[in-house]
PDB file of N, CA and C in Angstrom:
ATOM      1  N   UNK A   1     -11.278  30.479 -13.968  1.00  0.00           N
ATOM      2  CA  UNK A   1     -10.004  29.550 -14.798  1.00  0.00           C
ATOM      3  C   UNK A   1     -10.527  28.796 -13.476  1.00  0.00           C
ATOM      4  N   UNK A   2     -10.872  27.661 -14.161  1.00  0.00           N
ATOM      5  CA  UNK A   2     -10.671  26.297 -13.357  1.00  0.00           C
ATOM      6  C   UNK A   2      -9.399  26.016 -13.023  1.00  0.00           C
ATOM      7  N   UNK A   3      -8.693  25.617 -11.972  1.00  0.00           N
ATOM      8  CA  UNK A   3      -7.040  24.872 -11.434  1.00  0.00           C
ATOM      9  C   UNK A   3      -7.027  23.766 -11.860  1.00  0.00           C
ATOM     10  N   UNK A   4      -5.759  23.291 -12.103  1.00  0.00           N
ATOM     11  CA  UNK A   4      -5.370  22.086 -12.450  1.00  0.00           C
ATOM     12  C   UNK A   4      -5.339  21.327 -10.798  1.00  0.00           C
ATOM     13  N   UNK A   5      -5.792  20.003 -11.182  1.00  0.00           N
ATOM     14  CA  UNK A   5      -5.330  19.198  -9.897  1.00  0.00           C
ATOM     15  C   UNK A   5      -3.976  18.875  -9.795  1.00  0.00           C
ATOM     16  N   UNK A   6      -4.112  18.310  -8.375  1.00  0.00           N
ATOM     17  CA  UNK A   6      -2.650  17.775  -7.792  1.00  0.00           C
ATOM     18  C   UNK A   6      -2.901  16.788  -7.216  1.00  0.00           C
ATOM     19  N   UNK A   7      -2.090  15.726  -7.189  1.00  0.00           N
ATOM     20  CA  UNK A   7      -1.818  14.643  -6.522  1.00  0.00           C
ATOM     21  C   UNK A   7      -0.914  14.876  -5.214  1.00  0.00           C
ATOM     22  N   UNK A   8      -1.026  13.822  -4.351  1.00  0.00           N
ATOM     23  CA  UNK A   8      -0.715  13.652  -2.866  1.00  0.00           C
ATOM     24  C   UNK A   8       0.488  14.255  -3.181  1.00  0.00           C
ATOM     25  N   UNK A   9       1.521  13.585  -3.904  1.00  0.00           N
ATOM     26  CA  UNK A   9       2.631  14.275  -3.465  1.00  0.00           C
ATOM     27  C   UNK A   9       2.828  15.719  -4.266  1.00  0.00           C
ATOM     28  N   UNK A  10       2.166  16.817  -4.788  1.00  0.00           N
ATOM     29  CA  UNK A  10       2.115  17.628  -5.408  1.00  0.00           C
ATOM     30  C   UNK A  10       2.654  17.917  -6.657  1.00  0.00           C
ATOM     31  N   UNK A  11       2.340  16.819  -7.882  1.00  0.00           N
ATOM     32  CA  UNK A  11       2.571  16.901  -9.124  1.00  0.00           C
ATOM     33  C   UNK A  11       1.151  17.443  -9.570  1.00  0.00           C
ATOM     34  N   UNK A  12       1.198  18.556 -10.481  1.00  0.00           N
ATOM     35  CA  UNK A  12       0.194  18.943 -11.157  1.00  0.00           C
ATOM     36  C   UNK A  12      -0.607  17.658 -12.756  1.00  0.00           C
ATOM     37  N   UNK A  13      -1.343  17.889 -12.279  1.00  0.00           N
ATOM     38  CA  UNK A  13      -1.927  16.971 -14.032  1.00  0.00           C
ATOM     39  C   UNK A  13      -2.661  17.984 -14.587  1.00  0.00           C
ATOM     40  N   UNK A  14      -2.449  17.728 -16.005  1.00  0.00           N
ATOM     41  CA  UNK A  14      -2.742  18.874 -16.544  1.00  0.00           C
ATOM     42  C   UNK A  14      -2.705  18.142 -17.955  1.00  0.00           C
ATOM     43  N   UNK A  15      -3.529  17.511 -18.383  1.00  0.00           N
ATOM     44  CA  UNK A  15      -3.510  16.520 -19.327  1.00  0.00           C
ATOM     45  C   UNK A  15      -4.608  16.570 -20.555  1.00  0.00           C
ATOM     46  N   UNK A  16      -4.564  16.100 -21.262  1.00  0.00           N
ATOM     47  CA  UNK A  16      -5.620  16.192 -22.410  1.00  0.00           C
ATOM     48  C   UNK A  16      -5.979  14.063 -22.994  1.00  0.00           C
ATOM     49  N   UNK A  17      -6.672  13.861 -23.172  1.00  0.00           N
ATOM     50  CA  UNK A  17      -6.793  12.579 -23.534  1.00  0.00           C
ATOM     51  C   UNK A  17      -6.314  12.207 -24.815  1.00  0.00           C
ATOM     52  N   UNK A  18      -4.854  11.276 -25.382  1.00  0.00           N
ATOM     53  CA  UNK A  18      -5.274  10.943 -26.328  1.00  0.00           C
ATOM     54  C   UNK A  18      -5.705  11.022 -27.774  1.00  0.00           C
ATOM     55  N   UNK A  19      -6.934  10.001 -27.265  1.00  0.00           N
ATOM     56  CA  UNK A  19      -8.042   9.733 -28.443  1.00  0.00           C
ATOM     57  C   UNK A  19      -8.666  10.472 -28.892  1.00  0.00           C
ATOM     58  N   UNK A  20      -9.823  11.004 -27.645  1.00  0.00           N
ATOM     59  CA  UNK A  20     -10.687  12.764 -28.066  1.00  0.00           C
ATOM     60  C   UNK A  20     -10.553  14.286 -27.195  1.00  0.00           C
ATOM     61  N   UNK A  21      -9.246  14.080 -26.809  1.00  0.00           N
ATOM     62  CA  UNK A  21      -9.115  14.981 -26.305  1.00  0.00           C
ATOM     63  C   UNK A  21      -9.905  16.341 -25.062  1.00  0.00           C
ATOM     64  N   UNK A  22     -10.302  15.150 -24.979  1.00  0.00           N
ATOM     65  CA  UNK A  22     -10.713  15.550 -23.220  1.00  0.00           C
ATOM     66  C   UNK A  22     -10.047  15.948 -22.137  1.00  0.00           C
ATOM     67  N   UNK A  23     -10.601  16.646 -21.017  1.00  0.00           N
ATOM     68  CA  UNK A  23      -9.466  16.789 -20.045  1.00  0.00           C
ATOM     69  C   UNK A  23      -9.112  15.931 -19.199  1.00  0.00           C
ATOM     70  N   UNK A  24      -8.320  14.970 -18.397  1.00  0.00           N
ATOM     71  CA  UNK A  24      -8.347  13.868 -17.597  1.00  0.00           C
ATOM     72  C   UNK A  24      -8.221  13.730 -16.446  1.00  0.00           C
ATOM     73  N   UNK A  25      -9.034  13.613 -15.283  1.00  0.00           N
ATOM     74  CA  UNK A  25      -8.878  13.474 -14.061  1.00  0.00           C
ATOM     75  C   UNK A  25      -8.455  12.587 -13.323  1.00  0.00           C
ATOM     76  N   UNK A  26      -8.131  12.590 -12.091  1.00  0.00           N
ATOM     77  CA  UNK A  26      -7.307  11.844 -11.407  1.00  0.00           C
ATOM     78  C   UNK A  26      -8.216  10.512 -10.689  1.00  0.00           C
ATOM     79  N   UNK A  27      -8.134   9.199 -10.549  1.00  0.00           N
ATOM     80  CA  UNK A  27      -9.107   8.531 -11.016  1.00  0.00           C
ATOM     81  C   UNK A  27      -8.993   7.925  -9.201  1.00  0.00           C
ATOM     82  N   UNK A  28      -7.849   7.576  -8.979  1.00  0.00           N
ATOM     83  CA  UNK A  28      -6.876   6.556  -8.015  1.00  0.00           C
ATOM     84  C   UNK A  28      -5.471   7.791  -7.876  1.00  0.00           C
ATOM     85  N   UNK A  29      -5.518   8.097  -6.428  1.00  0.00           N
ATOM     86  CA  UNK A  29      -3.672   8.327  -6.396  1.00  0.00           C
ATOM     87  C   UNK A  29      -3.436   8.149  -5.197  1.00  0.00           C
ATOM     88  N   UNK A  30      -2.459   7.029  -5.065  1.00  0.00           N
ATOM     89  CA  UNK A  30      -1.879   6.445  -3.876  1.00  0.00           C
ATOM     90  C   UNK A  30      -0.830   6.787  -3.335  1.00  0.00           C
ATOM     91  N   UNK A  31       0.113   8.065  -4.215  1.00  0.00           N
ATOM     92  CA  UNK A  31       1.233   8.817  -3.376  1.00  0.00           C
ATOM     93  C   UNK A  31       1.684   8.059  -4.662  1.00  0.00           C
ATOM     94  N   UNK A  32       3.016   7.132  -4.907  1.00  0.00           N
ATOM     95  CA  UNK A  32       3.868   6.617  -5.425  1.00  0.00           C
ATOM     96  C   UNK A  32       3.122   5.927  -6.980  1.00  0.00           C
ATOM     97  N   UNK A  33       1.899   5.999  -6.664  1.00  0.00           N
ATOM     98  CA  UNK A  33       0.998   5.228  -8.385  1.00  0.00           C
ATOM     99  C   UNK A  33      -0.521   6.323  -8.265  1.00  0.00           C
ATOM    100  N   UNK A  34       0.024   6.376  -9.920  1.00  0.00           N
ATOM    101  CA  UNK A  34      -1.875   7.358  -9.857  1.00  0.00           C
ATOM    102  C   UNK A  34      -2.329   7.368 -11.356  1.00  0.00           C
ATOM    103  N   UNK A  35      -3.463   6.956 -10.993  1.00  0.00           N
ATOM    104  CA  UNK A  35      -4.379   6.267 -12.036  1.00  0.00           C
ATOM    105  C   UNK A  35      -5.368   7.790 -12.531  1.00  0.00           C
ATOM    106  N   UNK A  36      -5.323   7.705 -14.059  1.00  0.00           N
ATOM    107  CA  UNK A  36      -5.958   9.495 -14.520  1.00  0.00           C
ATOM    108  C   UNK A  36      -6.607   8.116 -15.787  1.00  0.00           C
ATOM    109  N   UNK A  37      -8.049   8.706 -15.890  1.00  0.00           N
ATOM    110  CA  UNK A  37      -8.910   8.604 -16.090  1.00  0.00           C
ATOM    111  C   UNK A  37      -9.689  10.001 -17.238  1.00  0.00           C
ATOM    112  N   UNK A  38     -10.034   9.451 -18.355  1.00  0.00           N
ATOM    113  CA  UNK A  38     -10.908  10.758 -19.646  1.00  0.00           C
ATOM    114  C   UNK A  38     -12.236  10.245 -18.509  1.00  0.00           C
ATOM    115  N   UNK A  39     -12.789  11.444 -18.948  1.00  0.00           N
ATOM    116  CA  UNK A  39     -14.372  12.037 -18.583  1.00  0.00           C
ATOM    117  C   UNK A  39     -15.405  11.355 -19.609  1.00  0.00           C
ATOM    118  N   UNK A  40     -14.328  11.237 -20.594  1.00  0.00           N
ATOM    119  CA  UNK A  40     -15.371  11.074 -22.159  1.00  0.00           C
ATOM    120  C   UNK A  40     -15.136   9.369 -22.259  1.00  0.00           C
ATOM    121  N   UNK A  41     -14.589   9.329 -22.910  1.00  0.00           N
ATOM    122  CA  UNK A  41     -13.985   8.158 -23.141  1.00  0.00           C
ATOM    123  C   UNK A  41     -13.640   6.844 -22.443  1.00  0.00           C
ATOM    124  N   UNK A  42     -13.553   7.608 -21.470  1.00  0.00           N
ATOM    125  CA  UNK A  42     -13.271   6.258 -20.298  1.00  0.00           C
ATOM    126  C   UNK A  42     -11.296   5.581 -20.225  1.00  0.00           C
ATOM    127  N   UNK A  43     -10.893   5.888 -21.271  1.00  0.00           N
ATOM    128  CA  UNK A  43      -9.616   5.735 -21.144  1.00  0.00           C
ATOM    129  C   UNK A  43      -8.401   6.242 -20.106  1.00  0.00           C
ATOM    130  N   UNK A  44      -7.959   4.691 -19.405  1.00  0.00           N
ATOM    131  CA  UNK A  44      -7.016   4.901 -18.169  1.00  0.00           C
ATOM    132  C   UNK A  44      -5.268   5.507 -18.269  1.00  0.00           C
ATOM    133  N   UNK A  45      -5.193   6.334 -18.124  1.00  0.00           N
ATOM    134  CA  UNK A  45      -3.355   6.372 -17.851  1.00  0.00           C
ATOM    135  C   UNK A  45      -2.539   6.457 -16.520  1.00  0.00           C
ATOM    136  N   UNK A  46      -1.430   5.086 -16.491  1.00  0.00           N
ATOM    137  CA  UNK A  46      -1.040   5.204 -15.478  1.00  0.00           C
ATOM    138  C   UNK A  46       0.620   5.668 -15.566  1.00  0.00           C
ATOM    139  N   UNK A  47       0.780   6.263 -13.999  1.00  0.00           N
ATOM    140  CA  UNK A  47       1.429   6.992 -13.248  1.00  0.00           C
ATOM    141  C   UNK A  47       2.283   6.399 -12.413  1.00  0.00           C
ATOM    142  N   UNK A  48       3.923   5.954 -12.629  1.00  0.00           N
ATOM    143  CA  UNK A  48       4.097   5.680 -11.535  1.00  0.00           C
ATOM    144  C   UNK A  48       5.413   7.234 -10.697  1.00  0.00           C
ATOM    145  N   UNK A  49       5.682   6.846  -9.734  1.00  0.00           N
ATOM    146  CA  UNK A  49       6.804   7.764  -9.580  1.00  0.00           C
ATOM    147  C   UNK A  49       8.019   7.541  -8.647  1.00  0.00           C
ATOM    148  N   UNK A  50       8.942   7.707  -9.633  1.00  0.00           N
ATOM    149  CA  UNK A  50      10.526   6.990  -9.392  1.00  0.00           C
ATOM    150  C   UNK A  50      11.299   8.256  -8.482  1.00  0.00           C
ATOM    151  N   UNK A  51      12.058   7.576  -7.439  1.00  0.00           N
ATOM    152  CA  UNK A  51      12.762   8.649  -7.379  1.00  0.00           C
ATOM    153  C   UNK A  51      14.250   8.282  -7.647  1.00  0.00           C
TER     154      UNK A  51
END
């Protein structure tokens, strides 16, 4: 079984695309900003860390 990916800050990324249901991977991880991208349709999701 594959382990979920983690961001630089240690958050676990285990999400599926809202459109096609494929697993999402980390495209860009800058610590407080993270961009996730669907491997099939290419839809991007952006997340920001707030303290």
